[in-house]
Amino acid sequence: MLKIGIIREGKNPPDKRVPFTPLQTEEIEQRFPHMKVTVQASNVRCFNDNEYSEAGVQVSDSVSNCDVLMGIKEVPVDQLIPNKVYLFFSHTIKKQPYNKKLLQEVLKKKIRLIDYETLTDRLGNRMVAFGRFAGIVGAYNGLWTFGKRYGGFSLRRAFDCFDVNDLKLELRKVALPPVKIILTGAGRVGKGAMETLDTAGIRKVSPSDFLTQTFNEPVYVQLGSADYHIRKEGGHFNREEFHKHPEHYSSDFLKFTKVADILMAGAFWNPKAPVLFTKADMQAPDFKMKVIADITCDIEGSIPSTKKASTIAEPVYDYNPVSDAVEKPFSSEKFITVMAVDNLPCELPRSASEEFGRDLIDKILPLFLNDDPDAILHRATIAKGGELTDTFAYLSDYVAG
């Protein structure tokens, strides 16, 4: 019998998301007779303990008798139980300084650490992620921000919506003037943002029409890397080359900033790639954009106005392009209003958890019972038995330091 424990989130501020909903815990025990689920009691989850008990799953204060422990955010160091298998987002694979102690403790306690971010198929595609909900909520917050700044309509905050269906009903209230919206990215985040814009009834147009035509209704364009990068040496955009050597390209994004009112940034950005635009570009009189929803939230990354992450409690701030400083939100028409919440899926925890749990049940849990034929768990394991695995040996100087 494989005992799975859903751990209580211990990080502050606490995350309300869960690896599995109450209905999913019931499904696990029905689908996999060799698995037993225990839920650690918690008063911060979006699903309460009673909902799990009613699904027939054991709720307990301790999960120390479980083999595999699953959470969402980093586990506080003093709560790690030795010799267990843990799955959570560890935020250690980029050598994040604030989690060095966490990885040191994982090694000391001989824990097998599997990071959700490192669960990939043979082609290197991530198998479980919250990206779609980052996109849905990020685009929603972008529209909410515009409504706050210019009036015309007002939306409830995303976290006040019960679930994603409730949020989509709220989008009926969106009444935009004929603005132009840019959406970057075509991955999970981009698709989620598209869902929001489509539900709000905003028409999608081609890049050429977006640049050259005037519309009497709000429209959006979805841009891929090829739409705003040009080869420094001339010639055609080459996707493979761009992913391997983004430094061979320069940004051609400014033609869009001259006609767009809102930017929703959902594209992955490689630090070697050119930035979308510079601080100087933002000071130009023909830089038209007044609302930027940076869904990817790369601080000091591809968008210079993303000076810091904002929070769910205070989702926006203004950016002064002249002084390159953060100002109070909605404080001047000359400023650009920035939404850069870095934990967007937490605003719709019930729906986000349900989709995440679905992927875990269908793609990941069976691997614990069938010896992991494609070595998915093996590849995703950062540490085991007090050692870093070969794939993550590059972290040795990080944990030694």
Protein backbone atom coordinates (compact mmCIF):
# COMPACT_ATOMS: atom_id res chain seq x y z
CA MET A 1 0.00 0.00 0.00
CA LEU A 2 1.41 3.41 -1.00
CA LYS A 3 0.36 6.04 1.52
CA ILE A 4 0.04 9.56 0.12
CA GLY A 5 -0.14 12.56 2.44
CA ILE A 6 -1.43 16.00 1.42
CA ILE A 7 0.57 18.32 3.63
CA ARG A 8 -0.59 21.52 5.28
CA GLU A 9 0.92 24.61 3.59
CA GLY A 10 3.38 26.15 6.04
CA LYS A 11 4.84 29.01 4.03
CA ASN A 12 3.74 32.59 4.79
CA PRO A 13 1.58 34.05 3.38
CA PRO A 14 -0.16 30.65 3.16
CA ASP A 15 -1.17 29.29 -0.24
CA LYS A 16 -4.79 28.15 -0.50
CA ARG A 17 -4.16 25.76 -3.41
CA VAL A 18 -4.01 21.98 -2.99
CA PRO A 19 -2.55 19.14 -5.07
CA PHE A 20 -5.95 17.36 -5.05
CA THR A 21 -9.54 18.45 -4.46
CA PRO A 22 -11.77 16.40 -2.09
CA LEU A 23 -13.49 14.66 -5.04
CA GLN A 24 -10.07 13.83 -6.52
CA THR A 25 -8.83 12.23 -3.27
CA GLU A 26 -11.90 9.99 -3.39
CA GLU A 27 -11.15 9.18 -7.05
CA ILE A 28 -7.52 8.28 -6.25
CA GLU A 29 -8.58 5.62 -3.73
CA GLN A 30 -11.15 4.20 -6.18
CA ARG A 31 -8.85 4.21 -9.23
CA PHE A 32 -5.72 3.02 -7.45
CA PRO A 33 -6.68 0.39 -4.83
CA HIS A 34 -3.02 0.27 -3.72
CA MET A 35 -3.05 3.95 -2.71
CA LYS A 36 -4.36 5.46 0.52
CA VAL A 37 -4.67 9.24 0.99
CA THR A 38 -4.36 11.14 4.27
CA VAL A 39 -5.00 14.89 4.40
CA GLN A 40 -3.17 16.90 7.04
CA ALA A 41 -5.65 19.14 8.87
CA SER A 42 -5.45 22.79 7.77
CA ASN A 43 -7.50 25.96 8.15
CA VAL A 44 -6.02 27.82 5.15
CA ARG A 45 -7.02 25.62 2.20
CA CYS A 46 -9.67 26.64 -0.33
CA PHE A 47 -11.32 23.29 0.51
CA ASN A 48 -11.91 22.77 4.22
CA ASP A 49 -11.23 19.63 6.25
CA ASN A 50 -14.94 18.71 6.32
CA GLU A 51 -15.06 18.60 2.52
CA TYR A 52 -12.29 15.98 2.59
CA SER A 53 -13.91 14.01 5.43
CA GLU A 54 -17.21 13.99 3.54
CA ALA A 55 -15.38 12.53 0.53
CA GLY A 56 -14.42 9.62 2.81
CA VAL A 57 -10.75 10.56 3.11
CA GLN A 58 -8.87 10.49 6.40
CA VAL A 59 -8.02 13.91 7.87
CA SER A 60 -5.28 13.83 10.49
CA ASP A 61 -2.95 16.22 12.30
CA SER A 62 0.07 14.16 11.31
CA VAL A 63 1.11 12.64 7.98
CA SER A 64 4.36 11.13 9.32
CA ASN A 65 3.14 7.58 8.52
CA CYS A 66 2.80 8.43 4.79
CA ASP A 67 5.40 7.52 2.13
CA VAL A 68 4.83 10.30 -0.41
CA LEU A 69 4.09 13.83 0.83
CA MET A 70 2.59 16.35 -1.60
CA GLY A 71 2.11 20.10 -1.19
CA ILE A 72 2.28 23.24 -3.31
CA LYS A 73 4.81 25.76 -1.99
CA GLU A 74 8.19 25.25 -0.29
CA VAL A 75 7.99 23.32 2.98
CA PRO A 76 9.42 25.20 5.98
CA VAL A 77 12.75 23.60 6.93
CA ASP A 78 11.65 22.61 10.44
CA GLN A 79 8.60 20.77 9.04
CA LEU A 80 10.53 18.43 6.72
CA ILE A 81 10.27 14.75 7.78
CA PRO A 82 13.42 12.66 7.13
CA ASN A 83 13.55 9.84 4.55
CA LYS A 84 10.26 10.73 2.82
CA VAL A 85 9.45 11.39 -0.84
CA TYR A 86 8.28 15.01 -1.25
CA LEU A 87 6.62 16.72 -4.22
CA PHE A 88 6.27 20.52 -4.20
CA PHE A 89 7.52 23.64 -6.00
CA SER A 90 10.95 23.99 -4.38
CA HIS A 91 12.23 27.05 -6.29
CA THR A 92 15.81 25.80 -6.00
CA ILE A 93 16.78 24.80 -9.56
CA LYS A 94 17.85 28.34 -10.50
CA LYS A 95 19.95 28.50 -7.29
CA GLN A 96 17.47 30.85 -5.62
CA PRO A 97 19.42 32.18 -2.60
CA TYR A 98 16.38 32.27 -0.31
CA ASN A 99 15.89 28.48 -0.62
CA LYS A 100 19.47 27.30 -0.20
CA LYS A 101 18.80 26.22 3.39
CA LEU A 102 15.78 24.21 2.21
CA LEU A 103 17.87 22.13 -0.22
CA GLN A 104 20.64 21.70 2.37
CA GLU A 105 18.07 20.30 4.82
CA VAL A 106 16.55 18.02 2.14
CA LEU A 107 20.02 16.50 1.65
CA LYS A 108 20.70 16.26 5.39
CA LYS A 109 17.39 14.48 6.03
CA LYS A 110 17.91 12.11 3.06
CA ILE A 111 14.63 13.20 1.46
CA ARG A 112 13.80 12.35 -2.13
CA LEU A 113 12.75 15.70 -3.61
CA ILE A 114 10.69 15.77 -6.81
CA ASP A 115 9.87 19.27 -8.06
CA TYR A 116 6.65 19.70 -10.08
CA GLU A 117 8.53 22.07 -12.36
CA THR A 118 10.98 19.33 -13.34
CA LEU A 119 8.31 16.73 -14.26
CA THR A 120 8.73 16.64 -18.04
CA ASP A 121 7.97 14.28 -20.90
CA ARG A 122 10.63 12.94 -23.31
CA LEU A 123 10.52 16.15 -25.33
CA GLY A 124 11.10 18.29 -22.26
CA ASN A 125 7.52 19.63 -22.00
CA ARG A 126 6.25 20.24 -18.49
CA MET A 127 3.54 17.79 -17.45
CA VAL A 128 1.86 19.68 -14.59
CA ALA A 129 1.62 23.45 -14.21
CA PHE A 130 -0.63 26.30 -13.14
CA GLY A 131 0.15 28.39 -16.25
CA ARG A 132 -3.36 28.40 -17.72
CA PHE A 133 -4.76 29.95 -14.54
CA ALA A 134 -1.95 32.51 -14.38
CA GLY A 135 -3.08 33.55 -17.88
CA ILE A 136 -6.81 33.57 -17.08
CA VAL A 137 -6.37 35.64 -13.91
CA GLY A 138 -3.58 37.85 -15.32
CA ALA A 139 -5.67 38.96 -18.29
CA TYR A 140 -8.71 39.42 -16.02
CA ASN A 141 -6.62 41.63 -13.71
CA GLY A 142 -5.43 43.60 -16.75
CA LEU A 143 -9.05 44.34 -17.69
CA TRP A 144 -9.91 45.10 -14.03
CA THR A 145 -6.98 47.58 -13.97
CA PHE A 146 -8.18 49.37 -17.10
CA GLY A 147 -11.68 49.65 -15.63
CA LYS A 148 -10.25 51.07 -12.40
CA ARG A 149 -8.06 53.58 -14.22
CA TYR A 150 -10.53 54.86 -16.81
CA GLY A 151 -13.99 53.95 -15.45
CA GLY A 152 -16.70 52.69 -17.78
CA PHE A 153 -17.05 49.35 -16.01
CA SER A 154 -16.12 47.74 -12.74
CA LEU A 155 -15.33 44.09 -12.00
CA ARG A 156 -15.14 42.16 -8.76
CA ARG A 157 -11.63 41.06 -7.88
CA ALA A 158 -10.78 37.58 -9.21
CA PHE A 159 -10.37 36.15 -5.69
CA ASP A 160 -13.95 37.22 -4.86
CA CYS A 161 -15.17 34.88 -7.62
CA PHE A 162 -16.08 31.38 -6.39
CA ASP A 163 -14.38 29.64 -9.30
CA VAL A 164 -13.45 30.13 -12.96
CA ASN A 165 -17.09 29.89 -14.13
CA ASP A 166 -18.07 32.67 -11.74
CA LEU A 167 -15.16 34.76 -13.06
CA LYS A 168 -16.28 34.21 -16.66
CA LEU A 169 -19.79 35.46 -15.80
CA GLU A 170 -18.18 38.60 -14.32
CA LEU A 171 -16.45 39.25 -17.68
CA ARG A 172 -19.87 40.10 -19.18
CA LYS A 173 -19.53 43.47 -17.41
CA VAL A 174 -16.44 44.45 -19.43
CA ALA A 175 -17.29 47.51 -21.56
CA LEU A 176 -14.09 48.73 -23.20
CA PRO A 177 -13.79 51.66 -25.58
CA PRO A 178 -12.13 50.80 -28.94
CA VAL A 179 -8.73 50.06 -27.41
CA LYS A 180 -6.02 47.83 -28.83
CA ILE A 181 -4.59 45.06 -26.62
CA ILE A 182 -1.35 43.14 -27.18
CA LEU A 183 -1.02 39.61 -25.79
CA THR A 184 2.40 37.94 -25.99
CA GLY A 185 2.90 34.19 -25.64
CA ALA A 186 1.29 31.07 -27.06
CA GLY A 187 1.98 28.59 -24.24
CA ARG A 188 -0.28 27.71 -21.29
CA VAL A 189 -0.21 31.29 -20.02
CA GLY A 190 -1.04 32.78 -23.43
CA LYS A 191 -3.88 30.31 -23.97
CA GLY A 192 -5.33 31.13 -20.54
CA ALA A 193 -5.18 34.87 -21.26
CA MET A 194 -6.87 34.28 -24.65
CA GLU A 195 -9.69 32.45 -22.86
CA THR A 196 -10.35 35.56 -20.77
CA LEU A 197 -10.20 37.99 -23.72
CA ASP A 198 -12.44 35.76 -25.85
CA THR A 199 -14.96 35.36 -23.00
CA ALA A 200 -15.01 39.16 -22.59
CA GLY A 201 -16.07 39.35 -26.25
CA ILE A 202 -12.91 41.09 -27.48
CA ARG A 203 -12.16 40.34 -31.13
CA LYS A 204 -8.82 38.88 -32.16
CA VAL A 205 -7.13 40.44 -35.21
CA SER A 206 -3.96 39.77 -37.22
CA PRO A 207 -0.71 41.63 -36.47
CA SER A 208 -0.87 43.50 -39.79
CA ASP A 209 -4.47 44.65 -39.23
CA PHE A 210 -3.60 45.60 -35.64
CA LEU A 211 -0.79 47.85 -36.89
CA THR A 212 -2.56 49.44 -39.84
CA GLN A 213 -6.30 49.55 -39.20
CA THR A 214 -8.59 51.59 -36.97
CA PHE A 215 -11.41 49.74 -35.26
CA ASN A 216 -14.62 50.95 -33.66
CA GLU A 217 -14.52 48.16 -31.06
CA PRO A 218 -11.84 46.78 -28.71
CA VAL A 219 -9.50 44.25 -30.37
CA TYR A 220 -6.48 42.16 -29.38
CA VAL A 221 -3.55 40.64 -31.19
CA GLN A 222 -1.62 37.57 -30.04
CA LEU A 223 2.07 37.88 -30.84
CA GLY A 224 4.62 35.08 -31.11
CA SER A 225 8.41 35.63 -31.00
CA ALA A 226 8.54 35.82 -34.81
CA ASP A 227 6.21 38.85 -34.78
CA TYR A 228 8.58 41.13 -32.87
CA HIS A 229 12.16 39.90 -33.35
CA ILE A 230 14.46 40.48 -36.30
CA ARG A 231 17.76 38.79 -37.09
CA LYS A 232 20.66 41.16 -36.53
CA GLU A 233 22.40 39.84 -39.66
CA GLY A 234 19.24 39.89 -41.77
CA GLY A 235 17.37 36.92 -43.17
CA HIS A 236 14.30 35.11 -41.87
CA PHE A 237 13.33 34.45 -38.26
CA ASN A 238 14.35 30.90 -37.29
CA ARG A 239 12.49 29.53 -34.26
CA GLU A 240 15.11 26.93 -33.36
CA GLU A 241 17.94 29.44 -33.64
CA PHE A 242 15.99 32.00 -31.60
CA HIS A 243 15.48 29.50 -28.76
CA LYS A 244 19.14 28.49 -28.77
CA HIS A 245 20.73 31.88 -29.54
CA PRO A 246 18.27 34.70 -28.78
CA GLU A 247 21.24 37.09 -28.70
CA HIS A 248 21.35 36.88 -32.53
CA TYR A 249 18.09 38.85 -32.60
CA SER A 250 16.98 42.36 -31.77
CA SER A 251 13.52 43.54 -30.71
CA ASP A 252 11.11 45.03 -33.22
CA PHE A 253 8.38 45.55 -30.64
CA LEU A 254 8.19 49.36 -30.79
CA LYS A 255 5.95 49.38 -33.87
CA PHE A 256 3.26 47.81 -31.62
CA THR A 257 3.74 50.21 -28.67
CA LYS A 258 2.84 53.13 -30.96
CA VAL A 259 -0.68 51.81 -31.57
CA ALA A 260 -1.54 49.69 -28.49
CA ASP A 261 -3.20 50.83 -25.24
CA ILE A 262 -2.78 47.69 -23.13
CA LEU A 263 -0.02 45.07 -22.97
CA MET A 264 -0.59 41.62 -21.47
CA ALA A 265 2.78 39.87 -21.30
CA GLY A 266 2.53 36.09 -21.13
CA ALA A 267 5.59 34.98 -23.12
CA PHE A 268 8.54 33.22 -21.49
CA TRP A 269 11.59 35.51 -21.60
CA ASN A 270 15.19 34.30 -21.80
CA PRO A 271 17.61 36.80 -20.16
CA LYS A 272 19.83 36.46 -23.26
CA ALA A 273 16.97 37.65 -25.47
CA PRO A 274 16.44 41.34 -26.23
CA VAL A 275 14.04 43.26 -23.96
CA LEU A 276 10.68 44.22 -25.48
CA PHE A 277 11.51 47.92 -25.08
CA THR A 278 13.79 50.12 -22.97
CA LYS A 279 13.24 52.80 -20.32
CA ALA A 280 14.14 55.42 -22.95
CA ASP A 281 11.52 53.96 -25.32
CA MET A 282 8.89 54.39 -22.62
CA GLN A 283 9.67 58.12 -22.39
CA ALA A 284 9.04 58.69 -26.10
CA PRO A 285 5.91 60.77 -26.90
CA ASP A 286 4.62 58.04 -29.26
CA PHE A 287 4.77 55.29 -26.60
CA LYS A 288 1.02 54.82 -26.23
CA MET A 289 0.50 52.02 -23.70
CA LYS A 290 -0.96 53.03 -20.33
CA VAL A 291 -1.77 49.65 -18.75
CA ILE A 292 0.72 46.76 -18.58
CA ALA A 293 -0.30 43.41 -17.11
CA ASP A 294 3.01 41.57 -16.73
CA ILE A 295 1.69 38.05 -16.19
CA THR A 296 5.20 36.55 -16.32
CA CYS A 297 6.40 39.08 -13.70
CA ASP A 298 10.10 39.08 -14.59
CA ILE A 299 11.50 41.74 -12.25
CA GLU A 300 13.80 44.11 -14.20
CA GLY A 301 13.31 41.69 -17.11
CA SER A 302 11.90 42.20 -20.59
CA ILE A 303 9.63 45.06 -19.43
CA PRO A 304 11.45 47.90 -17.61
CA SER A 305 8.35 49.06 -15.71
CA THR A 306 8.17 45.76 -13.80
CA LYS A 307 10.26 47.10 -10.91
CA LYS A 308 8.77 44.77 -8.31
CA ALA A 309 6.09 42.13 -7.91
CA SER A 310 2.71 43.39 -6.75
CA THR A 311 0.49 41.41 -4.38
CA ILE A 312 -3.04 40.05 -4.49
CA ALA A 313 -3.92 42.61 -1.77
CA GLU A 314 -2.31 45.49 -3.72
CA PRO A 315 -2.28 44.30 -7.33
CA VAL A 316 -1.14 47.46 -9.13
CA TYR A 317 1.32 50.31 -8.96
CA ASP A 318 2.14 53.21 -11.28
CA TYR A 319 5.45 53.54 -13.11
CA ASN A 320 6.87 56.98 -13.83
CA PRO A 321 8.85 56.65 -17.10
CA VAL A 322 10.69 59.95 -16.53
CA SER A 323 12.10 59.12 -13.09
CA ASP A 324 12.06 55.31 -13.58
CA ALA A 325 10.31 55.09 -10.19
CA VAL A 326 7.33 53.28 -8.69
CA GLU A 327 4.45 55.58 -7.71
CA LYS A 328 1.04 55.19 -6.07
CA PRO A 329 -1.51 53.51 -8.40
CA PHE A 330 -3.68 55.76 -10.58
CA SER A 331 -1.78 58.86 -9.42
CA SER A 332 -1.11 60.57 -12.78
CA GLU A 333 -2.27 60.36 -16.38
CA LYS A 334 1.43 60.56 -17.37
CA PHE A 335 2.23 57.29 -15.56
CA ILE A 336 1.81 53.70 -16.72
CA THR A 337 -0.23 51.41 -14.47
CA VAL A 338 1.45 48.03 -13.87
CA MET A 339 -0.18 44.78 -12.69
CA ALA A 340 2.59 42.33 -11.73
CA VAL A 341 1.08 39.87 -9.24
CA ASP A 342 3.50 36.93 -9.05
CA ASN A 343 1.08 34.30 -7.65
CA LEU A 344 -1.95 34.78 -9.92
CA PRO A 345 -3.36 31.21 -9.76
CA CYS A 346 -3.85 31.71 -5.99
CA GLU A 347 -6.73 34.06 -6.83
CA LEU A 348 -8.77 31.14 -8.24
CA PRO A 349 -7.50 28.35 -5.97
CA ARG A 350 -10.42 25.94 -6.35
CA SER A 351 -10.37 25.83 -10.16
CA ALA A 352 -6.56 25.98 -10.40
CA SER A 353 -6.22 23.07 -7.93
CA GLU A 354 -8.79 21.00 -9.80
CA GLU A 355 -6.90 21.24 -13.10
CA PHE A 356 -3.53 20.64 -11.43
CA GLY A 357 -4.85 17.57 -9.58
CA ARG A 358 -6.35 16.21 -12.81
CA ASP A 359 -2.91 16.22 -14.45
CA LEU A 360 -1.28 14.65 -11.38
CA ILE A 361 -3.84 11.81 -11.28
CA ASP A 362 -3.70 11.09 -15.01
CA LYS A 363 0.01 11.57 -15.69
CA ILE A 364 2.04 11.31 -12.48
CA LEU A 365 0.43 9.09 -9.81
CA PRO A 366 0.42 5.92 -11.99
CA LEU A 367 4.23 6.23 -12.27
CA PHE A 368 4.60 5.44 -8.57
CA LEU A 369 2.89 2.08 -9.18
CA ASN A 370 4.25 1.05 -12.59
CA ASP A 371 7.99 1.58 -12.04
CA ASP A 372 8.16 4.82 -14.05
CA PRO A 373 8.86 3.27 -17.50
CA ASP A 374 9.83 6.59 -19.15
CA ALA A 375 11.99 7.66 -16.18
CA ILE A 376 9.82 10.75 -15.62
CA LEU A 377 10.08 10.64 -11.81
CA HIS A 378 13.74 9.70 -12.12
CA ARG A 379 14.50 12.77 -14.27
CA ALA A 380 12.50 15.06 -11.97
CA THR A 381 14.28 13.95 -8.78
CA ILE A 382 16.59 16.70 -7.53
CA ALA A 383 17.94 14.87 -4.47
CA LYS A 384 17.82 11.33 -3.11
CA GLY A 385 19.50 9.55 -0.20
CA GLY A 386 21.44 12.64 0.84
CA GLU A 387 22.92 13.27 -2.63
CA LEU A 388 22.03 15.49 -5.58
CA THR A 389 21.11 13.43 -8.66
CA ASP A 390 23.35 13.61 -11.75
CA THR A 391 20.95 15.96 -13.58
CA PHE A 392 21.06 18.43 -10.69
CA ALA A 393 24.73 18.01 -9.76
CA TYR A 394 25.21 21.62 -10.97
CA LEU A 395 23.57 22.71 -7.69
CA SER A 396 26.48 21.34 -5.62
CA ASP A 397 28.26 24.73 -5.28
CA TYR A 398 24.89 26.29 -4.33
CA VAL A 399 24.30 23.83 -1.46
CA ALA A 400 27.96 23.89 -0.38
CA GLY A 401 28.15 27.68 -0.21
